[in-house]
C-alpha cells in the first residue's frame, strides 16, 4: 500500500479539486500540479468503507 505524505506547504485540502464530465466520469486533480489527476467512472461512499474497515 502506498504512503501519502502531505506536502510541507500545509496539505492537500487547499489544492485538490474535482469536476464531472458530461458522461458522468469525475476528474480529481491537484491545482498546483497539472500532471496529478485521476479520472474515474465509479465511486464509493468513503463513510461506508471507513465504517467497515475494508480497504
N, C-alpha and C. Protein backbone atom coordinates (compact mmCIF):
# COMPACT_ATOMS: atom_id res chain seq x y z
N UNK A 1 0.84 -1.17 0.00
CA UNK A 1 0.00 0.00 0.00
C UNK A 1 0.89 1.23 0.00
N UNK A 2 0.52 2.23 -0.77
CA UNK A 2 1.29 3.47 -0.86
C UNK A 2 1.09 4.32 0.39
N UNK A 3 2.11 5.05 0.73
CA UNK A 3 2.03 6.00 1.83
C UNK A 3 1.94 7.40 1.26
N UNK A 4 0.97 8.15 1.69
CA UNK A 4 0.80 9.51 1.22
C UNK A 4 1.33 10.46 2.27
N UNK A 5 2.31 11.25 1.90
CA UNK A 5 2.90 12.22 2.80
C UNK A 5 2.45 13.61 2.35
N UNK A 6 1.72 14.35 3.19
CA UNK A 6 1.29 15.69 2.80
C UNK A 6 2.49 16.58 2.49
N UNK A 7 2.35 17.45 1.51
CA UNK A 7 3.44 18.35 1.18
C UNK A 7 3.70 19.33 2.33
N UNK A 8 4.92 19.88 2.40
CA UNK A 8 5.26 20.78 3.51
C UNK A 8 4.48 22.09 3.50
N UNK A 9 3.77 22.38 2.43
CA UNK A 9 3.03 23.65 2.36
C UNK A 9 1.69 23.60 3.07
N UNK A 10 1.40 22.56 3.81
CA UNK A 10 0.18 22.56 4.60
C UNK A 10 -0.80 21.46 4.29
N UNK A 11 -0.67 20.77 3.20
CA UNK A 11 -1.58 19.67 2.94
C UNK A 11 -2.23 19.72 1.58
N UNK A 12 -3.21 18.83 1.40
CA UNK A 12 -3.88 18.69 0.11
C UNK A 12 -5.22 19.42 0.05
N UNK A 13 -5.83 19.70 1.18
CA UNK A 13 -7.18 20.24 1.19
C UNK A 13 -7.32 21.55 0.44
N UNK A 14 -6.27 22.36 0.42
CA UNK A 14 -6.38 23.65 -0.25
C UNK A 14 -5.95 23.58 -1.70
N UNK A 15 -5.66 22.40 -2.23
CA UNK A 15 -5.18 22.33 -3.60
C UNK A 15 -5.86 21.28 -4.47
N UNK A 16 -6.73 20.45 -3.92
CA UNK A 16 -7.41 19.43 -4.70
C UNK A 16 -8.79 19.90 -5.11
N UNK A 17 -9.15 19.61 -6.35
CA UNK A 17 -10.46 19.98 -6.87
C UNK A 17 -11.00 18.83 -7.70
N UNK A 18 -12.25 18.94 -8.08
CA UNK A 18 -12.88 17.90 -8.89
C UNK A 18 -13.96 18.52 -9.77
N UNK A 19 -14.23 17.86 -10.88
CA UNK A 19 -15.36 18.24 -11.73
C UNK A 19 -15.88 17.00 -12.42
N UNK A 20 -17.14 17.07 -12.85
CA UNK A 20 -17.78 15.94 -13.50
C UNK A 20 -17.90 16.22 -14.99
N UNK A 21 -17.55 15.23 -15.82
CA UNK A 21 -17.68 15.32 -17.26
C UNK A 21 -19.12 15.04 -17.67
N UNK A 22 -19.45 15.36 -18.90
CA UNK A 22 -20.81 15.14 -19.39
C UNK A 22 -21.20 13.66 -19.36
N UNK A 23 -20.24 12.76 -19.51
CA UNK A 23 -20.55 11.33 -19.50
C UNK A 23 -20.65 10.75 -18.09
N UNK A 24 -20.47 11.60 -17.05
CA UNK A 24 -20.59 11.16 -15.67
C UNK A 24 -19.28 10.84 -14.99
N UNK A 25 -18.20 10.73 -15.76
CA UNK A 25 -16.89 10.49 -15.14
C UNK A 25 -16.51 11.70 -14.30
N UNK A 26 -15.72 11.45 -13.27
CA UNK A 26 -15.26 12.52 -12.39
C UNK A 26 -13.75 12.64 -12.52
N UNK A 27 -13.26 13.86 -12.58
CA UNK A 27 -11.84 14.15 -12.61
C UNK A 27 -11.46 14.78 -11.28
N UNK A 28 -10.51 14.17 -10.57
CA UNK A 28 -9.93 14.73 -9.36
C UNK A 28 -8.54 15.22 -9.74
N UNK A 29 -8.19 16.44 -9.34
CA UNK A 29 -6.89 16.94 -9.75
C UNK A 29 -6.26 17.86 -8.71
N UNK A 30 -4.95 17.99 -8.81
CA UNK A 30 -4.16 18.87 -7.96
C UNK A 30 -4.01 20.19 -8.70
N UNK A 31 -4.48 21.27 -8.10
CA UNK A 31 -4.46 22.57 -8.76
C UNK A 31 -3.05 23.09 -9.01
N UNK A 32 -2.07 22.57 -8.29
CA UNK A 32 -0.70 23.05 -8.44
C UNK A 32 0.18 22.13 -9.28
N UNK A 33 -0.32 20.96 -9.61
CA UNK A 33 0.47 20.01 -10.38
C UNK A 33 -0.38 19.47 -11.53
N UNK A 34 -0.20 19.98 -12.73
CA UNK A 34 -1.05 19.57 -13.85
C UNK A 34 -0.89 18.10 -14.24
N UNK A 35 0.15 17.43 -13.77
CA UNK A 35 0.34 16.02 -14.06
C UNK A 35 -0.32 15.11 -13.04
N UNK A 36 -0.91 15.67 -11.99
CA UNK A 36 -1.52 14.86 -10.92
C UNK A 36 -3.04 14.93 -11.05
N UNK A 37 -3.63 13.90 -11.65
CA UNK A 37 -5.08 13.83 -11.79
C UNK A 37 -5.52 12.37 -11.89
N UNK A 38 -6.78 12.15 -11.59
CA UNK A 38 -7.38 10.82 -11.66
C UNK A 38 -8.75 10.97 -12.31
N UNK A 39 -9.04 10.10 -13.27
CA UNK A 39 -10.36 10.07 -13.89
C UNK A 39 -11.03 8.77 -13.50
N UNK A 40 -12.28 8.85 -13.08
CA UNK A 40 -12.98 7.65 -12.64
C UNK A 40 -14.43 7.66 -13.11
N UNK A 41 -14.92 6.48 -13.47
CA UNK A 41 -16.33 6.34 -13.84
C UNK A 41 -17.11 5.66 -12.72
N UNK A 42 -16.44 5.35 -11.62
CA UNK A 42 -17.10 4.70 -10.49
C UNK A 42 -16.72 5.42 -9.20
N UNK A 43 -17.58 5.32 -8.22
CA UNK A 43 -17.30 5.95 -6.93
C UNK A 43 -17.87 5.06 -5.82
N UNK A 44 -17.28 5.19 -4.64
CA UNK A 44 -17.79 4.51 -3.46
C UNK A 44 -17.96 5.55 -2.36
N UNK A 45 -18.80 5.26 -1.43
CA UNK A 45 -19.01 6.15 -0.30
C UNK A 45 -17.93 5.87 0.73
N UNK A 46 -17.03 6.81 0.93
CA UNK A 46 -15.92 6.62 1.85
C UNK A 46 -16.41 6.31 3.26
N UNK A 47 -17.52 6.89 3.67
CA UNK A 47 -18.03 6.64 5.03
C UNK A 47 -18.38 5.15 5.19
N UNK A 48 -18.90 4.51 4.15
CA UNK A 48 -19.21 3.08 4.22
C UNK A 48 -17.94 2.25 4.35
N UNK A 49 -16.93 2.57 3.59
CA UNK A 49 -15.67 1.82 3.64
C UNK A 49 -14.98 2.05 4.97
N UNK A 50 -14.93 3.28 5.40
CA UNK A 50 -14.26 3.62 6.66
C UNK A 50 -14.97 2.94 7.82
N UNK A 51 -16.28 2.88 7.78
CA UNK A 51 -17.04 2.28 8.87
C UNK A 51 -16.85 0.78 8.99
N UNK A 52 -16.61 0.09 7.86
CA UNK A 52 -16.44 -1.36 7.90
C UNK A 52 -14.99 -1.77 8.03
N UNK A 53 -14.09 -0.84 7.81
CA UNK A 53 -12.67 -1.15 7.90
C UNK A 53 -12.12 -1.84 6.67
N UNK A 54 -12.93 -2.03 5.64
CA UNK A 54 -12.48 -2.67 4.40
C UNK A 54 -11.65 -1.68 3.58
N UNK A 55 -10.66 -2.18 2.91
CA UNK A 55 -9.83 -1.33 2.04
C UNK A 55 -9.96 -1.79 0.61
